[in-house]
Amino acid sequence: MDGGLYEHYPHFRKYLQDAVTELVGPDVSKLIAIEHSRDGSGIGAALLAASHSQFIEK
């Protein structure tokens, strides 16, 4: 996860993990790792653009 809220607001991590647990249940939430990632939105945008690119073979 990228963002100042996750990085600088200490209680947000717990709130987020609690919300994930509520949505998917405790067994599945144990398998999900949420970690801080610098420039995650830039990487995500690049992956999305690459996945929708079309290559024309000549």
C-alpha atoms as a PDB file:
ATOM      1  CA  MET A   1       0.000   0.000   0.000  1.00  0.00           C
ATOM      2  CA  ASP A   2       1.238   3.462  -0.861  1.00  0.00           C
ATOM      3  CA  GLY A   3       0.221   6.664   0.817  1.00  0.00           C
ATOM      4  CA  GLY A   4       0.801   9.091   3.624  1.00  0.00           C
ATOM      5  CA  LEU A   5      -2.264   7.975   5.558  1.00  0.00           C
ATOM      6  CA  TYR A   6      -0.968   4.428   5.883  1.00  0.00           C
ATOM      7  CA  GLU A   7       2.595   5.599   6.502  1.00  0.00           C
ATOM      8  CA  HIS A   8       1.999   8.409   9.021  1.00  0.00           C
ATOM      9  CA  TYR A   9      -1.233   7.537  10.850  1.00  0.00           C
ATOM     10  CA  PRO A  10      -0.311   4.764  13.304  1.00  0.00           C
ATOM     11  CA  HIS A  11      -3.860   3.529  13.969  1.00  0.00           C
ATOM     12  CA  PHE A  12      -4.836   3.265  10.296  1.00  0.00           C
ATOM     13  CA  ARG A  13      -2.934  -0.018   9.846  1.00  0.00           C
ATOM     14  CA  LYS A  14      -4.974  -1.662  12.601  1.00  0.00           C
ATOM     15  CA  TYR A  15      -8.239  -0.238  11.248  1.00  0.00           C
ATOM     16  CA  LEU A  16      -7.402  -1.523   7.779  1.00  0.00           C
ATOM     17  CA  GLN A  17      -6.491  -4.997   9.030  1.00  0.00           C
ATOM     18  CA  ASP A  18      -9.695  -5.126  11.099  1.00  0.00           C
ATOM     19  CA  ALA A  19     -11.737  -4.164   8.018  1.00  0.00           C
ATOM     20  CA  VAL A  20     -10.070  -6.872   5.918  1.00  0.00           C
ATOM     21  CA  THR A  21     -10.770  -9.432   8.647  1.00  0.00           C
ATOM     22  CA  GLU A  22     -14.415  -8.366   8.757  1.00  0.00           C
ATOM     23  CA  LEU A  23     -14.744  -8.651   4.970  1.00  0.00           C
ATOM     24  CA  VAL A  24     -12.996 -11.975   4.346  1.00  0.00           C
ATOM     25  CA  GLY A  25     -13.010 -13.653   7.754  1.00  0.00           C
ATOM     26  CA  PRO A  26     -10.191 -14.398  10.186  1.00  0.00           C
ATOM     27  CA  ASP A  27      -8.854 -17.494   8.399  1.00  0.00           C
ATOM     28  CA  VAL A  28      -8.363 -15.731   5.068  1.00  0.00           C
ATOM     29  CA  SER A  29      -7.180 -12.449   6.589  1.00  0.00           C
ATOM     30  CA  LYS A  30      -4.221 -14.291   8.147  1.00  0.00           C
ATOM     31  CA  LEU A  31      -3.041 -14.996   4.581  1.00  0.00           C
ATOM     32  CA  ILE A  32      -3.153 -11.328   3.527  1.00  0.00           C
ATOM     33  CA  ALA A  33      -0.128  -9.110   4.155  1.00  0.00           C
ATOM     34  CA  ILE A  34      -0.590  -5.368   3.856  1.00  0.00           C
ATOM     35  CA  GLU A  35       2.730  -3.525   3.778  1.00  0.00           C
ATOM     36  CA  HIS A  36       3.895  -0.031   2.920  1.00  0.00           C
ATOM     37  CA  SER A  37       5.292   0.350  -0.576  1.00  0.00           C
ATOM     38  CA  ARG A  38       6.905   3.507  -1.895  1.00  0.00           C
ATOM     39  CA  ASP A  39       5.540   4.592  -5.290  1.00  0.00           C
ATOM     40  CA  GLY A  40       2.960   1.818  -5.296  1.00  0.00           C
ATOM     41  CA  SER A  41       0.498   3.894  -7.329  1.00  0.00           C
ATOM     42  CA  GLY A  42       3.127   4.538 -10.006  1.00  0.00           C
ATOM     43  CA  ILE A  43       3.929   0.847 -10.240  1.00  0.00           C
ATOM     44  CA  GLY A  44       0.230  -0.029 -10.357  1.00  0.00           C
ATOM     45  CA  ALA A  45      -0.369   2.478 -13.150  1.00  0.00           C
ATOM     46  CA  ALA A  46       2.540   1.052 -15.144  1.00  0.00           C
ATOM     47  CA  LEU A  47       1.255  -2.507 -14.722  1.00  0.00           C
ATOM     48  CA  LEU A  48      -2.252  -1.472 -15.773  1.00  0.00           C
ATOM     49  CA  ALA A  49      -0.934   0.335 -18.845  1.00  0.00           C
ATOM     50  CA  ALA A  50       1.231  -2.637 -19.782  1.00  0.00           C
ATOM     51  CA  SER A  51      -1.657  -5.068 -19.384  1.00  0.00           C
ATOM     52  CA  HIS A  52      -3.777  -3.054 -21.832  1.00  0.00           C
ATOM     53  CA  SER A  53      -1.037  -2.438 -24.384  1.00  0.00           C
ATOM     54  CA  GLN A  54      -1.419  -3.968 -27.810  1.00  0.00           C
ATOM     55  CA  PHE A  55       1.595  -5.110 -29.751  1.00  0.00           C
ATOM     56  CA  ILE A  56       1.370  -5.184 -33.526  1.00  0.00           C
ATOM     57  CA  GLU A  57       3.653  -7.674 -35.237  1.00  0.00           C
ATOM     58  CA  LYS A  58       4.836  -6.741 -38.704  1.00  0.00           C
END
